[in-house]
Amino acid sequence: MELIKDIIGVNKQTFVKTLNSIKSHWEALLIVLVYLLISQIMLPLVSNIFSGALSIISGILMALIEAALISSFLFVLNNIVQYNRFRWKDVIEGLNYYLWKVYGILFIFFIVNFILSSTLNLIGNIGYLLSLIFQLFIIFALNPLPETIYLKNYDSRDSILYCIEFIKENFLNWFVPNIVFGACLFFIFNISNTNLLAISVSNFIPFILELLLISVLLSFFMIYRGHLFKFLSTSTRRKRQFMNKF
């Protein structure tokens, strides 16, 4: 019973903080749309320019662009969650702020995935099992990794380790709202046929509306996660129970 009260109390406070952030900076709800459009332009462009014999360069550049966009997105979220501040120039200023931390984490994932992929044919079904375990590990144990990157001052390796400890301490408080939001987003994505490469005059307006809806929901979700992570990572259930008595 106390656990349920704690989950409800935590999410009430988180919801209020999220609404306050959005009331102050409603334009932040469009931020996912901005990054979606940038990635849809930049990544195919680099892939087409550096094709054929230059595909290795293309792969490196695309990884750096992906890391830079993630860095920028996290920098914007950090300013919203930590300082209740949103500025469009943060999109540019954030491109290199967490760049190498993000790139380091992506590189770790790449190495582990490469090792697993290389050994699949050698160890048969065990390899597929290990690959599944690794994917589940990322989904669950490293679920708060984006928030850890921008709200905690750890390097790539320690960010991964902190995520594991955070989930151990806050499993239900973290995953209950995430599952609820995730289910809503999954439902909306399934009924939406948004495709950036299949736009015509007849479906342009519905396409824009779908894109805006997706951006608003995902932006709200990520701001909510930021406030939730900040709250949970700076308190314990015992401390919250004690504070609720006053």
C-alpha atoms as a PDB file:
ATOM      1  CA  MET A   1       0.000   0.000   0.000  1.00  0.00           C
ATOM      2  CA  GLU A   2       2.811   2.403   0.875  1.00  0.00           C
ATOM      3  CA  LEU A   3       4.494   1.601  -2.432  1.00  0.00           C
ATOM      4  CA  ILE A   4       1.334   2.459  -4.386  1.00  0.00           C
ATOM      5  CA  LYS A   5       0.982   5.733  -2.483  1.00  0.00           C
ATOM      6  CA  ASP A   6       4.594   6.532  -3.260  1.00  0.00           C
ATOM      7  CA  ILE A   7       4.153   5.840  -6.982  1.00  0.00           C
ATOM      8  CA  ILE A   8       1.046   8.045  -7.114  1.00  0.00           C
ATOM      9  CA  GLY A   9       2.705  10.812  -5.093  1.00  0.00           C
ATOM     10  CA  VAL A  10       5.869  10.803  -7.183  1.00  0.00           C
ATOM     11  CA  ASN A  11       3.959  10.975 -10.451  1.00  0.00           C
ATOM     12  CA  LYS A  12       1.640  13.718  -9.201  1.00  0.00           C
ATOM     13  CA  GLN A  13       4.617  15.930  -8.410  1.00  0.00           C
ATOM     14  CA  THR A  14       6.341  14.986 -11.652  1.00  0.00           C
ATOM     15  CA  PHE A  15       3.225  15.787 -13.682  1.00  0.00           C
ATOM     16  CA  VAL A  16       2.914  19.226 -12.057  1.00  0.00           C
ATOM     17  CA  LYS A  17       6.588  19.998 -12.742  1.00  0.00           C
ATOM     18  CA  THR A  18       6.190  18.893 -16.355  1.00  0.00           C
ATOM     19  CA  LEU A  19       3.121  21.083 -16.849  1.00  0.00           C
ATOM     20  CA  ASN A  20       4.971  24.055 -15.353  1.00  0.00           C
ATOM     21  CA  SER A  21       7.851  23.511 -17.779  1.00  0.00           C
ATOM     22  CA  ILE A  22       5.466  23.368 -20.730  1.00  0.00           C
ATOM     23  CA  LYS A  23       3.474  26.406 -19.589  1.00  0.00           C
ATOM     24  CA  SER A  24       6.705  28.389 -19.469  1.00  0.00           C
ATOM     25  CA  HIS A  25       8.019  27.045 -22.777  1.00  0.00           C
ATOM     26  CA  TRP A  26       5.218  25.547 -24.887  1.00  0.00           C
ATOM     27  CA  GLU A  27       7.444  25.674 -27.973  1.00  0.00           C
ATOM     28  CA  ALA A  28       9.552  22.922 -26.410  1.00  0.00           C
ATOM     29  CA  LEU A  29       6.804  20.521 -27.503  1.00  0.00           C
ATOM     30  CA  LEU A  30       8.003  20.996 -31.083  1.00  0.00           C
ATOM     31  CA  ILE A  31      11.586  19.985 -30.364  1.00  0.00           C
ATOM     32  CA  VAL A  32      11.190  16.333 -31.407  1.00  0.00           C
ATOM     33  CA  LEU A  33       9.828  17.512 -34.762  1.00  0.00           C
ATOM     34  CA  VAL A  34      12.943  19.638 -35.296  1.00  0.00           C
ATOM     35  CA  TYR A  35      15.331  16.742 -34.657  1.00  0.00           C
ATOM     36  CA  LEU A  36      13.229  14.372 -36.733  1.00  0.00           C
ATOM     37  CA  LEU A  37      13.383  16.695 -39.734  1.00  0.00           C
ATOM     38  CA  ILE A  38      17.118  17.355 -39.323  1.00  0.00           C
ATOM     39  CA  SER A  39      17.920  13.636 -39.125  1.00  0.00           C
ATOM     40  CA  GLN A  40      15.723  12.857 -42.140  1.00  0.00           C
ATOM     41  CA  ILE A  41      17.672  15.426 -44.171  1.00  0.00           C
ATOM     42  CA  MET A  42      21.229  14.932 -42.899  1.00  0.00           C
ATOM     43  CA  LEU A  43      21.573  11.147 -42.650  1.00  0.00           C
ATOM     44  CA  PRO A  44      20.366  10.263 -46.188  1.00  0.00           C
ATOM     45  CA  LEU A  45      22.427  13.163 -47.569  1.00  0.00           C
ATOM     46  CA  VAL A  46      25.647  11.867 -46.006  1.00  0.00           C
ATOM     47  CA  SER A  47      24.814   8.312 -47.069  1.00  0.00           C
ATOM     48  CA  ASN A  48      24.364   9.386 -50.702  1.00  0.00           C
ATOM     49  CA  ILE A  49      27.470  11.586 -50.832  1.00  0.00           C
ATOM     50  CA  PHE A  50      29.790   8.998 -49.303  1.00  0.00           C
ATOM     51  CA  SER A  51      28.662   5.850 -51.090  1.00  0.00           C
ATOM     52  CA  GLY A  52      30.541   2.974 -52.658  1.00  0.00           C
ATOM     53  CA  ALA A  53      34.232   2.971 -51.719  1.00  0.00           C
ATOM     54  CA  LEU A  54      33.614   5.833 -49.289  1.00  0.00           C
ATOM     55  CA  SER A  55      30.967   3.918 -47.329  1.00  0.00           C
ATOM     56  CA  ILE A  56      33.338   3.539 -44.352  1.00  0.00           C
ATOM     57  CA  ILE A  57      33.577   7.332 -44.093  1.00  0.00           C
ATOM     58  CA  SER A  58      29.801   7.491 -44.426  1.00  0.00           C
ATOM     59  CA  GLY A  59      29.377   5.107 -41.495  1.00  0.00           C
ATOM     60  CA  ILE A  60      31.700   7.131 -39.257  1.00  0.00           C
ATOM     61  CA  LEU A  61      30.077  10.447 -40.193  1.00  0.00           C
ATOM     62  CA  MET A  62      26.567   9.096 -39.694  1.00  0.00           C
ATOM     63  CA  ALA A  63      27.520   7.818 -36.235  1.00  0.00           C
ATOM     64  CA  LEU A  64      28.959  11.238 -35.353  1.00  0.00           C
ATOM     65  CA  ILE A  65      25.879  13.038 -36.683  1.00  0.00           C
ATOM     66  CA  GLU A  66      23.617  10.708 -34.722  1.00  0.00           C
ATOM     67  CA  ALA A  67      25.672  11.283 -31.553  1.00  0.00           C
ATOM     68  CA  ALA A  68      25.656  15.070 -32.139  1.00  0.00           C
ATOM     69  CA  LEU A  69      21.873  15.171 -32.581  1.00  0.00           C
ATOM     70  CA  ILE A  70      21.369  13.095 -29.433  1.00  0.00           C
ATOM     71  CA  SER A  71      23.801  15.392 -27.589  1.00  0.00           C
ATOM     72  CA  SER A  72      21.867  18.454 -28.739  1.00  0.00           C
ATOM     73  CA  PHE A  73      18.511  16.942 -27.768  1.00  0.00           C
ATOM     74  CA  LEU A  74      19.779  16.030 -24.298  1.00  0.00           C
ATOM     75  CA  PHE A  75      21.281  19.503 -23.857  1.00  0.00           C
ATOM     76  CA  VAL A  76      17.897  21.078 -24.624  1.00  0.00           C
ATOM     77  CA  LEU A  77      16.184  18.704 -22.168  1.00  0.00           C
ATOM     78  CA  ASN A  78      18.789  19.476 -19.511  1.00  0.00           C
ATOM     79  CA  ASN A  79      18.063  23.204 -19.740  1.00  0.00           C
ATOM     80  CA  ILE A  80      14.317  22.597 -19.536  1.00  0.00           C
ATOM     81  CA  VAL A  81      14.444  20.185 -16.596  1.00  0.00           C
ATOM     82  CA  GLN A  82      17.296  21.731 -14.623  1.00  0.00           C
ATOM     83  CA  TYR A  83      16.869  25.440 -15.283  1.00  0.00           C
ATOM     84  CA  ASN A  84      13.341  25.810 -16.727  1.00  0.00           C
ATOM     85  CA  ARG A  85      14.930  27.417 -19.771  1.00  0.00           C
ATOM     86  CA  PHE A  86      14.335  26.858 -23.457  1.00  0.00           C
ATOM     87  CA  ARG A  87      16.238  28.627 -26.240  1.00  0.00           C
ATOM     88  CA  TRP A  88      16.351  27.618 -29.897  1.00  0.00           C
ATOM     89  CA  LYS A  89      20.066  28.407 -29.979  1.00  0.00           C
ATOM     90  CA  ASP A  90      20.576  25.497 -27.547  1.00  0.00           C
ATOM     91  CA  VAL A  91      19.908  23.178 -30.485  1.00  0.00           C
ATOM     92  CA  ILE A  92      23.192  24.365 -32.030  1.00  0.00           C
ATOM     93  CA  GLU A  93      25.132  24.864 -28.794  1.00  0.00           C
ATOM     94  CA  GLY A  94      24.275  21.364 -27.618  1.00  0.00           C
ATOM     95  CA  LEU A  95      25.659  19.538 -30.658  1.00  0.00           C
ATOM     96  CA  ASN A  96      29.019  18.904 -28.975  1.00  0.00           C
ATOM     97  CA  TYR A  97      28.048  19.258 -25.305  1.00  0.00           C
ATOM     98  CA  TYR A  98      27.553  15.519 -24.656  1.00  0.00           C
ATOM     99  CA  LEU A  99      28.968  14.406 -28.001  1.00  0.00           C
ATOM    100  CA  TRP A 100      31.842  12.225 -26.828  1.00  0.00           C
ATOM    101  CA  LYS A 101      29.930  10.769 -23.906  1.00  0.00           C
ATOM    102  CA  VAL A 102      27.125   9.722 -26.262  1.00  0.00           C
ATOM    103  CA  TYR A 103      29.590   8.518 -28.891  1.00  0.00           C
ATOM    104  CA  GLY A 104      31.417   6.477 -26.237  1.00  0.00           C
ATOM    105  CA  ILE A 105      28.198   4.757 -25.201  1.00  0.00           C
ATOM    106  CA  LEU A 106      27.225   4.061 -28.813  1.00  0.00           C
ATOM    107  CA  PHE A 107      30.703   2.625 -29.378  1.00  0.00           C
ATOM    108  CA  ILE A 108      30.343   0.303 -26.370  1.00  0.00           C
ATOM    109  CA  PHE A 109      26.998  -0.905 -27.727  1.00  0.00           C
ATOM    110  CA  PHE A 110      28.543  -1.386 -31.170  1.00  0.00           C
ATOM    111  CA  ILE A 111      31.413  -3.500 -29.803  1.00  0.00           C
ATOM    112  CA  VAL A 112      29.124  -5.715 -27.713  1.00  0.00           C
ATOM    113  CA  ASN A 113      26.688  -6.148 -30.599  1.00  0.00           C
ATOM    114  CA  PHE A 114      29.560  -6.872 -33.008  1.00  0.00           C
ATOM    115  CA  ILE A 115      30.942  -9.576 -30.707  1.00  0.00           C
ATOM    116  CA  LEU A 116      27.520 -11.163 -30.307  1.00  0.00           C
ATOM    117  CA  SER A 117      26.827 -11.038 -34.053  1.00  0.00           C
ATOM    118  CA  SER A 118      30.239 -12.539 -34.850  1.00  0.00           C
ATOM    119  CA  THR A 119      29.736 -15.463 -32.498  1.00  0.00           C
ATOM    120  CA  LEU A 120      26.134 -16.331 -33.427  1.00  0.00           C
ATOM    121  CA  ASN A 121      27.159 -18.894 -36.048  1.00  0.00           C
ATOM    122  CA  LEU A 122      29.765 -20.408 -33.742  1.00  0.00           C
ATOM    123  CA  ILE A 123      27.659 -21.002 -30.651  1.00  0.00           C
ATOM    124  CA  GLY A 124      24.253 -21.521 -32.273  1.00  0.00           C
ATOM    125  CA  ASN A 125      21.148 -21.019 -30.157  1.00  0.00           C
ATOM    126  CA  ILE A 126      23.166 -19.773 -27.193  1.00  0.00           C
ATOM    127  CA  GLY A 127      24.287 -16.832 -29.313  1.00  0.00           C
ATOM    128  CA  TYR A 128      20.720 -15.850 -30.132  1.00  0.00           C
ATOM    129  CA  LEU A 129      19.855 -16.153 -26.447  1.00  0.00           C
ATOM    130  CA  LEU A 130      22.759 -13.875 -25.516  1.00  0.00           C
ATOM    131  CA  SER A 131      21.665 -11.384 -28.167  1.00  0.00           C
ATOM    132  CA  LEU A 132      18.125 -11.381 -26.757  1.00  0.00           C
ATOM    133  CA  ILE A 133      19.456 -10.911 -23.223  1.00  0.00           C
ATOM    134  CA  PHE A 134      21.561  -7.971 -24.404  1.00  0.00           C
ATOM    135  CA  GLN A 135      18.553  -6.326 -26.069  1.00  0.00           C
ATOM    136  CA  LEU A 136      16.421  -6.805 -22.940  1.00  0.00           C
ATOM    137  CA  PHE A 137      19.292  -5.434 -20.851  1.00  0.00           C
ATOM    138  CA  ILE A 138      19.293  -2.239 -22.925  1.00  0.00           C
ATOM    139  CA  ILE A 139      15.494  -1.902 -22.792  1.00  0.00           C
ATOM    140  CA  PHE A 140      15.179  -2.393 -19.038  1.00  0.00           C
ATOM    141  CA  ALA A 141      18.475  -1.874 -17.198  1.00  0.00           C
ATOM    142  CA  LEU A 142      19.571   1.051 -19.382  1.00  0.00           C
ATOM    143  CA  ASN A 143      16.151   2.612 -19.890  1.00  0.00           C
ATOM    144  CA  PRO A 144      17.050   5.832 -18.010  1.00  0.00           C
ATOM    145  CA  LEU A 145      20.353   6.228 -19.875  1.00  0.00           C
ATOM    146  CA  PRO A 146      19.343   9.480 -21.677  1.00  0.00           C
ATOM    147  CA  GLU A 147      18.463  11.116 -18.362  1.00  0.00           C
ATOM    148  CA  THR A 148      21.625   9.794 -16.718  1.00  0.00           C
ATOM    149  CA  ILE A 149      23.733  11.347 -19.467  1.00  0.00           C
ATOM    150  CA  TYR A 150      22.389  14.865 -19.030  1.00  0.00           C
ATOM    151  CA  LEU A 151      21.506  14.920 -15.320  1.00  0.00           C
ATOM    152  CA  LYS A 152      24.543  13.108 -13.899  1.00  0.00           C
ATOM    153  CA  ASN A 153      28.215  13.916 -14.391  1.00  0.00           C
ATOM    154  CA  TYR A 154      29.488  10.439 -15.267  1.00  0.00           C
ATOM    155  CA  ASP A 155      31.576   9.190 -18.154  1.00  0.00           C
ATOM    156  CA  SER A 156      30.223   6.649 -20.650  1.00  0.00           C
ATOM    157  CA  ARG A 157      31.067   3.569 -18.584  1.00  0.00           C
ATOM    158  CA  ASP A 158      29.891   4.971 -15.241  1.00  0.00           C
ATOM    159  CA  SER A 159      26.661   6.238 -16.818  1.00  0.00           C
ATOM    160  CA  ILE A 160      25.814   2.653 -17.754  1.00  0.00           C
ATOM    161  CA  LEU A 161      26.666   1.416 -14.253  1.00  0.00           C
ATOM    162  CA  TYR A 162      24.589   4.157 -12.622  1.00  0.00           C
ATOM    163  CA  CYS A 163      21.554   3.209 -14.738  1.00  0.00           C
ATOM    164  CA  ILE A 164      21.670  -0.312 -13.364  1.00  0.00           C
ATOM    165  CA  GLU A 165      21.771   0.940  -9.768  1.00  0.00           C
ATOM    166  CA  PHE A 166      18.991   3.446 -10.433  1.00  0.00           C
ATOM    167  CA  ILE A 167      16.680   0.769 -11.844  1.00  0.00           C
ATOM    168  CA  LYS A 168      17.397  -1.522  -8.885  1.00  0.00           C
ATOM    169  CA  GLU A 169      16.274   1.233  -6.510  1.00  0.00           C
ATOM    170  CA  ASN A 170      13.356   2.638  -8.525  1.00  0.00           C
ATOM    171  CA  PHE A 171      12.064  -0.184 -10.712  1.00  0.00           C
ATOM    172  CA  LEU A 172       8.306   0.316 -10.240  1.00  0.00           C
ATOM    173  CA  ASN A 173       8.412   4.085  -9.811  1.00  0.00           C
ATOM    174  CA  TRP A 174      10.242   4.350 -13.105  1.00  0.00           C
ATOM    175  CA  PHE A 175       8.534   1.727 -15.237  1.00  0.00           C
ATOM    176  CA  VAL A 176       4.866   2.221 -14.267  1.00  0.00           C
ATOM    177  CA  PRO A 177       4.594   5.692 -15.900  1.00  0.00           C
ATOM    178  CA  ASN A 178       6.935   4.659 -18.714  1.00  0.00           C
ATOM    179  CA  ILE A 179       4.767   1.664 -19.578  1.00  0.00           C
ATOM    180  CA  VAL A 180       1.609   3.811 -19.516  1.00  0.00           C
ATOM    181  CA  PHE A 181       3.167   6.446 -21.782  1.00  0.00           C
ATOM    182  CA  GLY A 182       4.747   3.777 -23.958  1.00  0.00           C
ATOM    183  CA  ALA A 183       1.407   2.023 -24.474  1.00  0.00           C
ATOM    184  CA  CYS A 184      -0.237   5.308 -25.504  1.00  0.00           C
ATOM    185  CA  LEU A 185       2.558   6.117 -27.937  1.00  0.00           C
ATOM    186  CA  PHE A 186       2.518   2.585 -29.355  1.00  0.00           C
ATOM    187  CA  PHE A 187      -1.218   2.859 -30.001  1.00  0.00           C
ATOM    188  CA  ILE A 188      -0.855   6.242 -31.702  1.00  0.00           C
ATOM    189  CA  PHE A 189       2.099   5.120 -33.835  1.00  0.00           C
ATOM    190  CA  ASN A 190       0.150   2.060 -34.946  1.00  0.00           C
ATOM    191  CA  ILE A 191      -2.876   4.026 -36.097  1.00  0.00           C
ATOM    192  CA  SER A 192      -0.638   6.594 -37.786  1.00  0.00           C
ATOM    193  CA  ASN A 193       0.857   5.894 -41.210  1.00  0.00           C
ATOM    194  CA  THR A 194       3.290   8.824 -41.086  1.00  0.00           C
ATOM    195  CA  ASN A 195       6.029   8.392 -43.665  1.00  0.00           C
ATOM    196  CA  LEU A 196       8.384  11.243 -44.499  1.00  0.00           C
ATOM    197  CA  LEU A 197       9.121   9.718 -47.885  1.00  0.00           C
ATOM    198  CA  ALA A 198       5.508   9.281 -48.993  1.00  0.00           C
ATOM    199  CA  ILE A 199       3.962  12.733 -48.922  1.00  0.00           C
ATOM    200  CA  SER A 200       1.504  13.936 -51.545  1.00  0.00           C
ATOM    201  CA  VAL A 201      -0.706  17.012 -51.857  1.00  0.00           C
ATOM    202  CA  SER A 202      -3.769  15.053 -50.759  1.00  0.00           C
ATOM    203  CA  ASN A 203      -2.265  13.777 -47.522  1.00  0.00           C
ATOM    204  CA  PHE A 204      -0.012  16.732 -46.678  1.00  0.00           C
ATOM    205  CA  ILE A 205      -2.271  18.289 -44.007  1.00  0.00           C
ATOM    206  CA  PRO A 206      -3.015  14.960 -42.224  1.00  0.00           C
ATOM    207  CA  PHE A 207       0.709  14.216 -42.394  1.00  0.00           C
ATOM    208  CA  ILE A 208       1.589  17.541 -40.720  1.00  0.00           C
ATOM    209  CA  LEU A 209      -1.048  17.021 -38.027  1.00  0.00           C
ATOM    210  CA  GLU A 210       0.221  13.507 -37.292  1.00  0.00           C
ATOM    211  CA  LEU A 211       3.792  14.754 -37.142  1.00  0.00           C
ATOM    212  CA  LEU A 212       2.845  17.562 -34.756  1.00  0.00           C
ATOM    213  CA  LEU A 213       0.920  15.154 -32.535  1.00  0.00           C
ATOM    214  CA  ILE A 214       3.855  12.756 -32.391  1.00  0.00           C
ATOM    215  CA  SER A 215       6.241  15.618 -31.607  1.00  0.00           C
ATOM    216  CA  VAL A 216       4.027  16.981 -28.819  1.00  0.00           C
ATOM    217  CA  LEU A 217       3.576  13.576 -27.188  1.00  0.00           C
ATOM    218  CA  LEU A 218       7.224  12.522 -27.439  1.00  0.00           C
ATOM    219  CA  SER A 219       8.463  15.915 -26.234  1.00  0.00           C
ATOM    220  CA  PHE A 220       6.059  15.825 -23.279  1.00  0.00           C
ATOM    221  CA  PHE A 221       7.143  12.260 -22.541  1.00  0.00           C
ATOM    222  CA  MET A 222      10.856  13.107 -22.529  1.00  0.00           C
ATOM    223  CA  ILE A 223      10.372  16.197 -20.344  1.00  0.00           C
ATOM    224  CA  TYR A 224       8.263  14.090 -17.975  1.00  0.00           C
ATOM    225  CA  ARG A 225      10.987  11.428 -17.824  1.00  0.00           C
ATOM    226  CA  GLY A 226      13.561  14.095 -17.041  1.00  0.00           C
ATOM    227  CA  HIS A 227      11.593  15.455 -14.088  1.00  0.00           C
ATOM    228  CA  LEU A 228      10.791  11.922 -12.900  1.00  0.00           C
ATOM    229  CA  PHE A 229      14.435  10.858 -13.037  1.00  0.00           C
ATOM    230  CA  LYS A 230      15.598  14.018 -11.257  1.00  0.00           C
ATOM    231  CA  PHE A 231      13.049  13.485  -8.485  1.00  0.00           C
ATOM    232  CA  LEU A 232      13.796   9.791  -7.993  1.00  0.00           C
ATOM    233  CA  SER A 233      17.580  10.145  -8.213  1.00  0.00           C
ATOM    234  CA  THR A 234      17.664  12.825  -5.513  1.00  0.00           C
ATOM    235  CA  SER A 235      15.383  11.079  -3.016  1.00  0.00           C
ATOM    236  CA  THR A 236      14.557   7.687  -1.523  1.00  0.00           C
ATOM    237  CA  ARG A 237      11.177   6.154  -0.736  1.00  0.00           C
ATOM    238  CA  ARG A 238      11.874   6.454   2.979  1.00  0.00           C
ATOM    239  CA  LYS A 239      12.763  10.131   2.608  1.00  0.00           C
ATOM    240  CA  ARG A 240       9.633  10.790   0.553  1.00  0.00           C
ATOM    241  CA  GLN A 241       7.444   9.045   3.137  1.00  0.00           C
ATOM    242  CA  PHE A 242       9.012  11.146   5.873  1.00  0.00           C
ATOM    243  CA  MET A 243       8.517  14.410   3.946  1.00  0.00           C
ATOM    244  CA  ASN A 244       4.870  13.570   3.206  1.00  0.00           C
ATOM    245  CA  LYS A 245       4.127  13.624   6.936  1.00  0.00           C
ATOM    246  CA  PHE A 246       4.662  17.381   7.008  1.00  0.00           C
END
